[in-house]
Protein backbone atom coordinates (compact mmCIF):
# COMPACT_ATOMS: atom_id res chain seq x y z
CA MET A 1 149.52 80.64 232.42
CA SER A 2 146.63 78.11 234.04
CA LEU A 3 143.25 78.82 235.91
CA LEU A 4 144.88 76.87 239.19
CA ASP A 5 147.86 79.75 239.17
CA TYR A 6 145.24 82.80 240.16
CA PRO A 7 144.40 82.97 243.45
CA PHE A 8 140.76 81.23 244.60
CA ARG A 9 139.24 85.42 244.87
CA GLN A 10 140.44 86.39 242.34
CA ARG A 11 139.55 83.27 240.27
CA HIS A 12 136.12 83.64 241.23
CA ASN A 13 135.97 87.31 241.35
CA ILE A 14 135.31 88.06 245.09
CA VAL A 15 136.49 91.42 246.74
CA PHE A 16 136.36 92.42 250.27
CA GLY A 17 134.56 94.97 251.14
CA LYS A 18 132.69 97.75 253.17
CA ILE A 19 128.76 97.05 253.38
CA SER A 20 127.54 100.24 254.79
CA GLY A 21 129.42 103.29 255.80
CA GLU A 22 129.39 107.03 256.04
CA SER A 23 132.50 109.56 255.03
CA SER A 24 133.43 112.90 255.92
CA SER A 25 136.16 115.60 255.76
CA VAL A 26 137.88 118.52 257.50
CA PRO A 27 138.56 121.81 255.39
CA VAL A 28 141.91 121.87 254.49
CA GLY A 29 144.07 124.14 256.90
CA VAL A 30 141.91 123.83 259.98
CA SER A 31 144.54 121.65 261.58
CA GLU A 32 147.50 122.89 260.97
CA ASN A 33 146.05 126.35 261.58
CA TRP A 34 145.43 125.03 265.26
CA LEU A 35 148.78 123.41 265.80
CA GLU A 36 150.53 126.40 264.58
CA TYR A 37 149.35 128.90 266.94
CA VAL A 38 146.37 127.56 269.33
CA TRP A 39 148.04 124.52 270.62
CA LEU A 40 151.14 126.37 271.36
CA ASN A 41 149.61 129.02 273.54
CA LEU A 42 147.88 126.57 275.84
CA ARG A 43 150.57 124.17 276.31
CA LYS A 44 153.34 126.25 277.30
CA ASN A 45 152.93 126.54 280.88
CA TYR A 46 152.60 122.55 281.02
CA ALA A 47 154.74 119.85 280.98
CA ASP A 48 154.25 117.19 278.54
CA CYS A 49 153.70 114.60 281.69
CA ASP A 50 150.84 116.96 282.96
CA ILE A 51 148.53 116.75 279.77
CA TYR A 52 145.96 114.27 280.05
CA ASN A 53 143.94 113.19 277.29
CA ALA A 54 140.73 111.40 278.38
CA ASP A 55 137.73 110.20 275.75
CA GLU A 56 135.00 108.06 275.94
CA THR A 57 134.28 104.94 273.16
CA GLY A 58 131.54 102.55 272.66
CA LEU A 59 132.39 98.91 272.47
CA PHE A 60 129.63 97.06 270.84
CA TYR A 61 130.36 93.71 272.02
CA ARG A 62 127.83 92.12 269.92
CA LEU A 63 127.89 94.08 266.54
CA THR A 64 128.65 92.05 263.42
CA PRO A 65 131.26 92.91 260.80
CA SER A 66 130.81 95.74 258.47
CA GLN A 67 132.63 93.77 256.05
CA THR A 68 132.28 90.42 254.22
CA LEU A 69 133.29 88.91 250.94
CA ARG A 70 131.35 89.10 248.45
CA PHE A 71 131.47 88.59 244.48
CA LYS A 72 132.21 91.94 242.61
CA GLY A 73 129.70 93.83 241.41
CA LYS A 74 127.29 92.00 243.77
CA THR A 75 125.56 94.14 246.36
CA CYS A 76 125.72 93.27 249.58
CA SER A 77 123.55 93.67 252.59
CA GLY A 78 123.12 93.13 256.40
CA GLY A 79 120.65 92.60 258.87
CA LYS A 80 119.61 94.63 261.83
CA LEU A 81 122.88 95.42 263.98
CA SER A 82 122.63 94.94 267.70
CA LYS A 83 122.87 98.27 269.85
CA GLU A 84 124.36 96.43 272.71
CA ARG A 85 127.34 98.26 274.00
CA LEU A 86 129.36 99.45 277.17
CA THR A 87 130.69 102.75 277.28
CA ILE A 88 134.38 103.19 278.09
CA LEU A 89 136.49 106.01 278.99
CA VAL A 90 140.12 106.01 278.23
CA THR A 91 142.71 108.16 280.57
CA PHE A 92 146.36 108.74 280.03
CA ASN A 93 148.82 111.13 279.61
CA MET A 94 151.14 112.86 276.62
CA THR A 95 154.39 111.18 277.46
CA GLY A 96 152.14 107.42 278.39
CA SER A 97 153.75 107.14 281.57
CA TYR A 98 150.76 107.28 282.89
CA LYS A 99 147.88 105.34 281.95
CA GLN A 100 144.23 105.30 283.96
CA LYS A 101 142.60 101.87 284.38
CA LEU A 102 139.89 101.58 281.62
CA LEU A 103 136.13 103.10 283.07
CA VAL A 104 133.87 100.63 282.03
CA ILE A 105 130.18 102.14 281.97
CA GLY A 106 127.66 99.24 281.05
CA LYS A 107 123.66 98.28 281.50
CA TYR A 108 122.01 98.07 284.85
CA MET A 109 121.37 94.22 285.94
CA ILE A 110 118.31 93.53 288.10
CA PHE A 111 119.46 90.39 289.88
């Protein structure tokens, strides 16, 4: 087998990896217990179309990627990350039959 039979990244020992990150976990059994007991009692008086979820999220529109191509075994560090963001509120019902338009909260602008 010749060297050209291997893909470029494998041939040059390049992998796709995360620059930085965090990890966390939920104790075993917590979500199962909530679904079996608490959730069933909460929703028994409501139809699926009457149950809504609303959550806010941040859109970092100038943030650079957290992953990159690097040589295997080499560390990769990034520069200072942009903190410019928009806050967006997403709302919809459980069946997906009603989806509220996105509510975008941005920075104030002086004209």
